[in-house]
Amino acid sequence: MSYSRESAFFFSDSEDRKRFFRRMAIRDYRFSTWLRLVAPLCLLMACVGFASGFYGEAPRHLFAGMRSQYPLLTATLDVVSDYADNVIFVVYLGVLVQAIAAKDRCKQVFFFRFFVGLVGVLLLVSLVKGLCGIPRPGIPLPAAPLSFTYHFGSFPSAYTAQIVALALPLVFFFRKRWLHIAMPIVITLVGFARLWLGKHHPVDIFGGVLFGSLILFFMFRKARGVL
């Protein structure tokens, strides 16, 4: 199998290529690894869905009452929803700076693939939002396909998709134990925050997990079976 174009551009010798593809092949990571990362959020959304519905006004009314009862928690989740992705972006920026300073070709290509994959995922999410035109909580049906407006852009959750797309590559590439612990917590907090704040229905969060996970296809699909 031939090497990808970005690999030919970044790598100066075959050892660099081999080291990169060994890491990117993620042979030690299977479906179970992905499942462990997204399962807490998915289980939480399933519990909410079976208790009050996966779509509709019941989940919105449930969390509207809770928001008034727990203002501090609401303020905390609001901060998490708005800034968790920015913190992880800083981590990626640090990876890029370190990779350039150390002339680490593996991390440079990792960042390149991550950037392309993230842009692809977010563009796809925006397209699906506009095509489906699903009303946000509090906005009555019917849907408004092709509207491309905020009020009819509930499915899928872009914030959830983005945090999943940010978290998964870090875990799969760097293989650090603390990332296996921290990233599921971050994913769960952001996804739950979107529901708590009345921005999405439970089904929207599931959609965000699904579309955000597609970044693994963008980043790692060419690496499988190369070596």
Protein backbone atom coordinates (compact mmCIF):
# COMPACT_ATOMS: atom_id res chain seq x y z
CA MET A 1 0.00 0.00 0.00
CA SER A 2 1.36 3.44 -0.88
CA TYR A 3 1.89 6.16 1.68
CA SER A 4 -0.49 9.11 1.80
CA ARG A 5 0.45 12.47 0.30
CA GLU A 6 0.82 14.21 3.63
CA SER A 7 3.22 11.49 4.73
CA ALA A 8 5.40 12.00 1.66
CA PHE A 9 5.44 15.73 2.37
CA PHE A 10 6.38 15.50 6.05
CA PHE A 11 8.59 12.44 6.28
CA SER A 12 12.23 12.54 5.32
CA ASP A 13 13.06 8.84 5.66
CA SER A 14 11.43 5.44 5.86
CA GLU A 15 12.01 5.09 9.61
CA ASP A 16 9.87 8.15 10.24
CA ARG A 17 7.11 6.65 8.12
CA LYS A 18 7.30 3.28 9.86
CA ARG A 19 7.20 4.83 13.32
CA PHE A 20 4.23 6.97 12.39
CA PHE A 21 2.19 4.17 10.84
CA ARG A 22 2.91 1.81 13.70
CA ARG A 23 1.34 4.36 16.03
CA MET A 24 -1.48 5.32 13.70
CA ALA A 25 -2.43 1.71 12.96
CA ILE A 26 -3.91 1.53 16.49
CA ARG A 27 -3.76 -2.26 16.48
CA ASP A 28 -4.18 -2.31 20.25
CA TYR A 29 -7.36 -0.26 20.02
CA ARG A 30 -10.57 -1.85 18.89
CA PHE A 31 -14.26 -1.13 19.12
CA SER A 32 -14.11 -1.76 22.87
CA THR A 33 -11.75 1.19 23.36
CA TRP A 34 -14.07 3.58 21.56
CA LEU A 35 -17.01 2.16 23.50
CA ARG A 36 -15.33 2.79 26.86
CA LEU A 37 -14.79 6.43 25.90
CA VAL A 38 -18.36 7.21 24.82
CA ALA A 39 -20.31 4.67 26.90
CA PRO A 40 -20.79 6.87 30.01
CA LEU A 41 -22.47 9.63 28.01
CA CYS A 42 -24.51 7.19 25.93
CA LEU A 43 -25.72 5.34 29.02
CA LEU A 44 -26.68 8.63 30.66
CA MET A 45 -28.63 9.70 27.57
CA ALA A 46 -30.32 6.29 27.45
CA CYS A 47 -31.45 6.65 31.06
CA VAL A 48 -32.86 10.13 30.37
CA GLY A 49 -34.46 8.93 27.16
CA PHE A 50 -36.22 5.94 28.70
CA ALA A 51 -37.32 8.03 31.69
CA SER A 52 -38.68 11.09 29.88
CA GLY A 53 -38.31 10.51 26.15
CA PHE A 54 -35.55 10.76 23.55
CA TYR A 55 -37.24 13.69 21.85
CA GLY A 56 -39.89 16.21 22.77
CA GLU A 57 -40.88 18.55 25.53
CA ALA A 58 -40.70 16.13 28.47
CA PRO A 59 -36.87 16.19 28.73
CA ARG A 60 -36.89 19.98 28.37
CA HIS A 61 -39.41 20.44 31.20
CA LEU A 62 -37.50 17.98 33.38
CA PHE A 63 -34.24 19.90 33.17
CA ALA A 64 -35.88 23.33 33.19
CA GLY A 65 -37.10 22.60 36.72
CA MET A 66 -33.71 21.31 37.78
CA ARG A 67 -31.93 24.39 36.40
CA SER A 68 -33.95 26.63 38.68
CA GLN A 69 -33.31 24.38 41.68
CA TYR A 70 -29.55 24.09 41.13
CA PRO A 71 -28.28 27.42 39.77
CA LEU A 72 -24.67 26.74 40.73
CA LEU A 73 -24.64 23.46 38.84
CA THR A 74 -26.25 25.20 35.89
CA ALA A 75 -23.57 27.90 35.89
CA THR A 76 -20.84 25.25 36.12
CA LEU A 77 -22.22 23.22 33.23
CA ASP A 78 -22.58 26.40 31.20
CA VAL A 79 -18.85 27.04 31.62
CA VAL A 80 -18.04 23.42 30.78
CA SER A 81 -20.17 23.58 27.66
CA ASP A 82 -18.55 26.79 26.43
CA TYR A 83 -14.90 26.28 27.35
CA ALA A 84 -14.03 22.56 27.58
CA ASP A 85 -13.28 22.41 23.86
CA ASN A 86 -11.03 25.49 24.15
CA VAL A 87 -8.92 23.76 26.80
CA ILE A 88 -8.40 20.75 24.54
CA PHE A 89 -7.59 23.03 21.61
CA VAL A 90 -4.77 24.45 23.75
CA VAL A 91 -3.50 20.89 24.26
CA TYR A 92 -3.43 20.36 20.49
CA LEU A 93 -1.64 23.67 20.03
CA GLY A 94 0.95 22.51 22.55
CA VAL A 95 1.37 19.27 20.60
CA LEU A 96 1.93 21.24 17.41
CA VAL A 97 4.44 23.66 18.96
CA GLN A 98 6.36 20.80 20.57
CA ALA A 99 6.32 18.82 17.33
CA ILE A 100 7.71 21.74 15.33
CA ALA A 101 10.35 22.55 17.94
CA ALA A 102 11.48 18.92 18.20
CA LYS A 103 11.03 18.24 14.46
CA ASP A 104 8.84 15.31 15.43
CA ARG A 105 7.37 14.17 12.11
CA CYS A 106 4.95 11.74 13.72
CA LYS A 107 3.24 14.43 15.78
CA GLN A 108 3.25 16.88 12.87
CA VAL A 109 1.37 14.45 10.66
CA PHE A 110 -0.90 13.57 13.56
CA PHE A 111 -1.83 17.24 13.92
CA PHE A 112 -2.31 17.58 10.15
CA ARG A 113 -4.67 14.63 10.04
CA PHE A 114 -6.47 15.83 13.14
CA PHE A 115 -7.05 19.26 11.63
CA VAL A 116 -8.35 17.84 8.35
CA GLY A 117 -10.52 15.33 10.20
CA LEU A 118 -11.99 17.93 12.55
CA VAL A 119 -12.86 20.26 9.68
CA GLY A 120 -14.47 17.35 7.82
CA VAL A 121 -16.55 16.31 10.84
CA LEU A 122 -17.77 19.84 11.59
CA LEU A 123 -18.68 20.50 7.96
CA LEU A 124 -20.63 17.23 7.87
CA VAL A 125 -22.43 18.09 11.11
CA SER A 126 -23.39 21.52 9.75
CA LEU A 127 -24.68 19.94 6.56
CA VAL A 128 -26.79 17.36 8.39
CA LYS A 129 -28.18 20.03 10.71
CA GLY A 130 -29.36 22.08 7.76
CA LEU A 131 -30.71 19.14 5.81
CA CYS A 132 -32.71 17.72 8.73
CA GLY A 133 -33.93 21.01 10.23
CA ILE A 134 -34.90 19.41 13.55
CA PRO A 135 -36.40 21.93 16.03
CA ARG A 136 -34.51 22.66 19.22
CA PRO A 137 -36.21 22.13 22.60
CA GLY A 138 -39.06 24.56 22.98
CA ILE A 139 -39.57 24.97 19.23
CA PRO A 140 -42.66 23.10 18.01
CA LEU A 141 -42.73 20.68 15.11
CA PRO A 142 -42.79 20.37 12.14
CA ALA A 143 -39.15 20.24 11.14
CA ALA A 144 -37.78 22.75 8.64
CA PRO A 145 -35.42 20.91 6.29
CA LEU A 146 -32.94 23.08 4.40
CA SER A 147 -33.58 26.02 6.75
CA PHE A 148 -29.99 26.20 8.06
CA THR A 149 -31.09 28.28 11.06
CA TYR A 150 -30.18 27.97 14.74
CA HIS A 151 -33.70 27.16 15.93
CA PHE A 152 -33.97 24.27 13.49
CA GLY A 153 -30.47 22.89 13.95
CA SER A 154 -30.92 20.59 16.91
CA PHE A 155 -29.72 17.31 15.36
CA PRO A 156 -26.93 16.42 15.75
CA SER A 157 -25.37 18.28 18.66
CA ALA A 158 -22.38 20.14 17.23
CA TYR A 159 -20.83 20.74 20.67
CA THR A 160 -20.98 17.03 21.45
CA ALA A 161 -19.60 16.09 18.05
CA GLN A 162 -16.74 18.54 18.49
CA ILE A 163 -15.74 17.40 21.96
CA VAL A 164 -15.81 13.75 20.85
CA ALA A 165 -13.75 14.61 17.76
CA LEU A 166 -11.25 16.45 19.97
CA ALA A 167 -10.97 13.77 22.65
CA LEU A 168 -10.75 10.54 20.68
CA PRO A 169 -7.54 11.22 18.69
CA LEU A 170 -5.64 12.16 21.84
CA VAL A 171 -6.51 8.85 23.48
CA PHE A 172 -5.91 6.72 20.40
CA PHE A 173 -2.60 8.32 19.46
CA PHE A 174 -0.87 9.07 22.76
CA ARG A 175 -2.14 6.02 24.69
CA LYS A 176 -1.79 7.60 28.13
CA ARG A 177 -3.69 6.14 31.05
CA TRP A 178 -4.78 9.55 32.35
CA LEU A 179 -6.35 10.33 28.97
CA HIS A 180 -8.39 7.11 29.19
CA ILE A 181 -9.73 8.41 32.51
CA ALA A 182 -10.11 12.12 31.73
CA MET A 183 -11.59 12.08 28.23
CA PRO A 184 -14.74 10.03 29.01
CA ILE A 185 -15.43 12.43 31.87
CA VAL A 186 -15.03 15.47 29.62
CA ILE A 187 -17.19 13.94 26.86
CA THR A 188 -19.91 13.08 29.37
CA LEU A 189 -19.90 16.50 31.01
CA VAL A 190 -20.15 18.40 27.73
CA GLY A 191 -22.88 16.16 26.31
CA PHE A 192 -24.89 16.26 29.53
CA ALA A 193 -24.42 20.04 29.78
CA ARG A 194 -26.07 20.52 26.39
CA LEU A 195 -29.07 18.56 27.60
CA TRP A 196 -29.19 20.23 31.02
CA LEU A 197 -29.05 23.70 29.49
CA GLY A 198 -32.01 22.93 27.23
CA LYS A 199 -30.05 23.17 23.98
CA HIS A 200 -30.68 19.64 22.72
CA HIS A 201 -32.79 16.51 22.95
CA PRO A 202 -31.21 13.21 24.05
CA VAL A 203 -31.29 11.90 20.47
CA ASP A 204 -29.23 14.93 19.39
CA ILE A 205 -26.49 13.96 21.84
CA PHE A 206 -26.41 10.43 20.41
CA GLY A 207 -26.05 11.97 16.97
CA GLY A 208 -23.18 14.13 18.17
CA VAL A 209 -21.34 11.07 19.49
CA LEU A 210 -21.84 9.26 16.20
CA PHE A 211 -20.69 12.09 13.96
CA GLY A 212 -17.83 13.11 16.24
CA SER A 213 -16.51 9.56 16.18
CA LEU A 214 -16.10 9.77 12.41
CA ILE A 215 -12.83 11.62 12.98
CA LEU A 216 -11.23 8.25 13.65
CA PHE A 217 -12.09 7.27 10.08
CA PHE A 218 -10.57 10.47 8.70
CA MET A 219 -7.39 10.06 10.74
CA PHE A 220 -6.66 6.36 10.91
CA ARG A 221 -8.27 4.68 7.92
CA LYS A 222 -5.15 4.86 5.69
CA ALA A 223 -2.91 3.51 8.44
CA ARG A 224 -4.59 0.14 8.84
CA GLY A 225 -2.66 -2.63 7.21
CA VAL A 226 0.19 -0.43 5.99
CA LEU A 227 2.84 -2.35 7.89
